[in-house]
Protein backbone atom coordinates (compact mmCIF):
# COMPACT_ATOMS: atom_id res chain seq x y z
CA UNK A 1 -3.12 -25.34 -0.47
CA UNK A 2 -4.21 -22.63 1.92
CA UNK A 3 -6.30 -19.79 0.62
CA UNK A 4 -4.80 -16.31 0.23
CA UNK A 5 -7.21 -14.46 2.48
CA UNK A 6 -7.34 -10.69 2.67
CA UNK A 7 -8.90 -8.92 5.64
CA UNK A 8 -11.52 -6.46 4.43
CA UNK A 9 -12.85 -5.07 7.70
CA UNK A 10 -14.77 -5.53 10.90
CA UNK A 11 -17.89 -4.01 12.36
CA UNK A 12 -16.92 -4.86 15.90
CA UNK A 13 -15.28 -1.62 16.90
CA UNK A 14 -11.95 -3.37 17.31
CA UNK A 15 -12.58 -6.78 18.87
CA UNK A 16 -12.26 -8.51 15.49
CA UNK A 17 -15.61 -10.30 15.38
CA UNK A 18 -17.69 -10.26 13.27
CA UNK A 19 -15.40 -9.67 10.28
CA UNK A 20 -15.23 -10.06 6.53
CA UNK A 21 -12.36 -11.60 4.55
CA UNK A 22 -12.01 -12.09 0.81
CA UNK A 23 -10.21 -14.82 -1.08
CA UNK A 24 -7.69 -12.89 -3.19
CA UNK A 25 -7.73 -15.53 -5.93
CA UNK A 26 -11.33 -16.73 -6.20
CA UNK A 27 -13.08 -13.59 -4.98
CA UNK A 28 -15.13 -15.63 -2.50
CA UNK A 29 -16.18 -13.85 0.69
CA UNK A 30 -15.68 -15.32 4.17
CA UNK A 31 -17.76 -13.93 7.03
CA UNK A 32 -17.25 -14.94 10.65
CA UNK A 33 -19.18 -13.91 13.70
CA UNK A 34 -21.09 -15.29 16.68
CA UNK A 35 -23.03 -18.47 15.77
CA UNK A 36 -26.79 -18.61 15.66
CA UNK A 37 -27.61 -21.29 18.25
CA UNK A 38 -31.23 -20.91 19.35
CA UNK A 39 -33.15 -24.01 18.09
CA UNK A 40 -36.18 -21.91 17.27
CA UNK A 41 -34.08 -19.58 15.12
CA UNK A 42 -32.27 -22.43 13.40
CA UNK A 43 -35.56 -24.11 12.57
CA UNK A 44 -36.54 -21.12 10.46
CA UNK A 45 -33.47 -21.32 8.23
CA UNK A 46 -33.83 -22.89 4.80
CA UNK A 47 -31.15 -25.06 3.17
CA UNK A 48 -28.90 -25.23 6.24
CA UNK A 49 -27.00 -28.45 5.60
CA UNK A 50 -25.07 -30.69 7.95
CA UNK A 51 -21.70 -29.17 8.75
CA UNK A 52 -22.85 -25.62 7.97
CA UNK A 53 -22.95 -22.94 10.65
CA UNK A 54 -25.12 -19.83 10.62
CA UNK A 55 -23.51 -16.66 11.99
CA UNK A 56 -25.04 -13.37 13.03
CA UNK A 57 -23.55 -10.16 11.66
CA UNK A 58 -24.75 -6.55 11.61
CA UNK A 59 -26.22 -5.42 8.30
CA UNK A 60 -23.69 -2.56 8.28
CA UNK A 61 -20.83 -5.06 8.14
CA UNK A 62 -22.05 -6.42 4.82
CA UNK A 63 -22.83 -2.98 3.45
CA UNK A 64 -19.43 -1.58 4.37
CA UNK A 65 -17.04 -4.45 3.76
CA UNK A 66 -18.30 -7.02 1.25
CA UNK A 67 -17.31 -6.42 -2.41
CA UNK A 68 -20.03 -4.48 -4.20
CA UNK A 69 -19.35 -5.60 -7.75
CA UNK A 70 -17.84 -9.00 -8.43
CA UNK A 71 -17.37 -8.11 -12.09
CA UNK A 72 -15.75 -4.73 -11.48
CA UNK A 73 -13.32 -3.98 -14.28
CA UNK A 74 -10.03 -2.45 -13.27
CA UNK A 75 -9.33 0.86 -14.92
CA UNK A 76 -5.79 0.99 -16.22
CA UNK A 77 -4.11 4.28 -17.11
CA UNK A 78 -0.88 5.14 -18.84
CA UNK A 79 2.09 6.78 -17.22
CA UNK A 80 1.22 10.29 -18.46
CA UNK A 81 -2.22 10.18 -16.84
CA UNK A 82 -0.66 8.74 -13.70
CA UNK A 83 1.88 11.57 -13.49
CA UNK A 84 -0.96 14.08 -13.79
CA UNK A 85 -2.35 12.85 -10.45
CA UNK A 86 0.56 14.58 -8.69
CA UNK A 87 -0.68 17.91 -10.01
CA UNK A 88 -4.33 17.42 -9.08
CA UNK A 89 -4.37 15.88 -5.58
CA UNK A 90 -5.89 18.13 -2.94
CA UNK A 91 -4.14 17.37 0.35
CA UNK A 92 -2.12 14.14 0.50
CA UNK A 93 -0.17 11.72 -1.66
CA UNK A 94 1.16 8.62 0.13
CA UNK A 95 3.33 5.82 -1.28
CA UNK A 96 4.17 2.28 -0.22
CA UNK A 97 7.38 1.23 -1.98
CA UNK A 98 8.09 -2.47 -1.72
CA UNK A 99 10.33 -3.44 -4.63
CA UNK A 100 13.93 -4.61 -4.51
CA UNK A 101 14.91 -2.82 -7.71
CA UNK A 102 13.61 -0.31 -10.25
CA UNK A 103 15.03 -0.71 -13.73
CA UNK A 104 14.39 2.97 -14.45
CA UNK A 105 16.70 3.98 -11.59
CA UNK A 106 19.52 1.82 -12.90
CA UNK A 107 19.49 3.67 -16.23
CA UNK A 108 20.29 7.05 -14.64
CA UNK A 109 23.60 8.88 -14.23
CA UNK A 110 22.87 9.28 -10.53
CA UNK A 111 22.66 5.51 -10.08
CA UNK A 112 25.99 5.11 -11.87
CA UNK A 113 27.50 7.75 -9.58
CA UNK A 114 26.20 5.95 -6.52
CA UNK A 115 27.50 2.54 -7.59
CA UNK A 116 30.91 3.89 -8.56
CA UNK A 117 31.51 6.48 -5.84
CA UNK A 118 28.84 6.12 -3.18
CA UNK A 119 28.19 9.85 -3.63
CA UNK A 120 25.50 11.42 -5.81
CA UNK A 121 25.24 14.97 -7.13
CA UNK A 122 21.47 15.26 -6.82
CA UNK A 123 19.72 17.85 -8.96
CA UNK A 124 16.65 19.56 -7.54
CA UNK A 125 15.64 21.33 -10.74
CA UNK A 126 13.95 18.57 -12.76
CA UNK A 127 10.16 18.71 -13.40
CA UNK A 128 9.32 16.20 -10.63
CA UNK A 129 11.25 18.21 -8.05
CA UNK A 130 9.63 21.45 -9.12
CA UNK A 131 6.17 19.88 -8.96
CA UNK A 132 6.58 18.31 -5.51
CA UNK A 133 8.19 21.45 -4.11
CA UNK A 134 5.27 23.53 -5.35
CA UNK A 135 2.74 21.11 -3.85
CA UNK A 136 4.35 20.88 -0.41
CA UNK A 137 4.78 24.66 -0.38
CA UNK A 138 0.96 24.83 -0.39
CA UNK A 139 0.81 22.67 2.72
CA UNK A 140 0.01 19.44 0.91
CA UNK A 141 1.60 16.25 2.26
CA UNK A 142 3.76 13.93 0.19
CA UNK A 143 4.82 10.88 2.19
CA UNK A 144 6.21 7.43 1.53
CA UNK A 145 7.32 4.28 3.31
CA UNK A 146 10.11 2.26 1.68
CA UNK A 147 10.54 -1.41 2.52
CA UNK A 148 14.18 -2.49 2.92
CA UNK A 149 15.66 -6.00 2.83
CA UNK A 150 18.37 -7.33 5.15
CA UNK A 151 20.90 -6.79 3.71
CA UNK A 152 19.60 -3.93 1.54
CA UNK A 153 19.85 -4.23 -2.23
CA UNK A 154 21.91 -1.70 -4.15
CA UNK A 155 18.70 -0.14 -5.41
CA UNK A 156 17.38 0.27 -1.87
CA UNK A 157 20.63 1.89 -0.70
CA UNK A 158 20.45 4.22 -3.67
CA UNK A 159 16.91 5.29 -2.71
CA UNK A 160 17.96 5.74 0.92
CA UNK A 161 20.53 8.24 -0.34
CA UNK A 162 17.93 9.77 -2.64
CA UNK A 163 15.73 10.45 0.39
CA UNK A 164 18.01 13.37 1.26
CA UNK A 165 17.01 15.14 -1.94
CA UNK A 166 13.31 14.34 -1.77
CA UNK A 167 13.16 15.34 1.88
CA UNK A 168 14.46 18.75 0.86
CA UNK A 169 11.48 19.06 -1.46
CA UNK A 170 9.11 18.64 1.49
CA UNK A 171 8.52 14.89 1.32
CA UNK A 172 8.36 12.88 4.54
CA UNK A 173 10.13 9.58 3.88
CA UNK A 174 10.31 6.63 6.26
CA UNK A 175 11.69 3.09 6.08
CA UNK A 176 10.61 -0.31 7.34
CA UNK A 177 12.48 -3.62 7.37
CA UNK A 178 11.01 -6.31 5.12
CA UNK A 179 10.56 -8.71 8.04
CA UNK A 180 8.44 -6.10 9.83
CA UNK A 181 6.37 -5.54 6.69
CA UNK A 182 5.72 -9.29 6.52
CA UNK A 183 4.74 -9.35 10.19
CA UNK A 184 2.31 -6.48 9.57
CA UNK A 185 0.91 -8.33 6.52
CA UNK A 186 1.61 -5.41 4.23
CA UNK A 187 1.09 -6.08 0.53
CA UNK A 188 4.00 -6.71 -1.82
CA UNK A 189 2.67 -4.43 -4.57
CA UNK A 190 3.58 -0.75 -4.75
CA UNK A 191 0.81 1.83 -4.65
CA UNK A 192 0.06 5.51 -4.18
CA UNK A 193 -2.94 6.73 -2.18
CA UNK A 194 -4.25 10.17 -3.13
CA UNK A 195 -6.44 12.15 -0.73
CA UNK A 196 -7.58 8.90 0.95
CA UNK A 197 -10.07 8.45 -1.89
CA UNK A 198 -8.09 7.10 -4.84
CA UNK A 199 -5.53 4.28 -4.85
CA UNK A 200 -3.13 3.83 -7.74
CA UNK A 201 -1.60 0.34 -7.88
CA UNK A 202 1.66 0.29 -9.81
CA UNK A 203 2.16 -2.67 -12.16
CA UNK A 204 5.64 -3.69 -13.23
CA UNK A 205 6.79 -6.02 -15.97
CA UNK A 206 9.21 -8.92 -15.57
CA UNK A 207 12.03 -6.52 -16.42
CA UNK A 208 11.16 -4.30 -13.40
CA UNK A 209 9.96 -1.42 -15.57
CA UNK A 210 6.70 0.31 -14.62
CA UNK A 211 4.14 -0.73 -17.26
CA UNK A 212 0.87 0.89 -16.23
CA UNK A 213 -1.25 1.82 -13.23
CA UNK A 214 -4.55 0.44 -11.95
CA UNK A 215 -6.89 3.04 -10.47
CA UNK A 216 -9.03 1.89 -7.54
CA UNK A 217 -11.98 3.97 -6.35
CA UNK A 218 -14.21 1.32 -4.73
CA UNK A 219 -14.76 2.72 -1.19
CA UNK A 220 -14.08 -0.53 0.68
CA UNK A 221 -10.86 -1.06 -1.28
CA UNK A 222 -9.71 2.51 -0.68
CA UNK A 223 -10.36 2.09 3.04
CA UNK A 224 -8.29 -1.12 2.97
CA UNK A 225 -5.39 0.78 1.42
CA UNK A 226 -5.82 3.48 4.05
CA UNK A 227 -5.55 0.84 6.80
CA UNK A 228 -2.33 -0.42 5.17
CA UNK A 229 -1.01 3.15 5.11
CA UNK A 230 -1.76 3.67 8.79
CA UNK A 231 -0.04 0.44 9.82
CA UNK A 232 3.05 1.07 7.71
CA UNK A 233 3.34 4.72 8.76
CA UNK A 234 3.00 3.88 12.45
CA UNK A 235 5.84 1.35 12.41
CA UNK A 236 8.19 2.95 9.88
CA UNK A 237 11.26 4.95 10.94
CA UNK A 238 12.30 8.36 9.54
CA UNK A 239 14.93 7.76 6.87
CA UNK A 240 17.67 9.68 8.75
CA UNK A 241 17.27 7.47 11.81
CA UNK A 242 17.04 4.34 9.68
CA UNK A 243 20.21 5.24 7.72
CA UNK A 244 22.10 5.97 10.95
CA UNK A 245 21.18 2.59 12.43
CA UNK A 246 22.15 0.88 9.19
CA UNK A 247 25.57 2.55 9.26
CA UNK A 248 26.12 1.58 12.89
CA UNK A 249 25.44 -2.07 12.09
CA UNK A 250 27.96 -2.23 9.24
């Protein structure tokens, strides 16, 4: 079975070599770069066995991109502490939303309205709306990319309609087809990225309810999430344009 390799980073300035990858399951690190070929150099290496290849990489590559602590313990927080992050971020809160359904949405009156009538009477006075409106009024950015299947699930259509309300609060919401997310090798787990320094990975139970949140502060990991953000944001389409194209195709 093929490994599940995750690209950590490159020190090449863009050419892709040398680079560091990490095995998502075992935690092993894979480094590739130009081979060391000079016989005099190879003769100085100890324990180089048949079939092994020595590669040359800049020291900065290992400092910047190899995991720093193989026994790092994830810090899990409850939902109250997670919600507090939306009050304390300094300049940006960015979300990748990948799920096909959220059980919490399906328990709301607005979801029932959408399923029954296709029209929702969105309120903009609940605590979340007031908080986000106050944050964006200060010039802070709240942005998200939502992944959509073909055809979209009912939950995804509901959130596409919901984007009208959240956009009015100052959020910038964009959408991306699932097949494009796969092509871009985006992760399948939802996360928020706060101020490009703190990632919050959302963990859901088998019943599609949010259970808890894993906080990630390791610099190399945060940079990896930032790279994911940049790729998703570049290719995603503003929700109004996405909804219009979806309606045209029906």
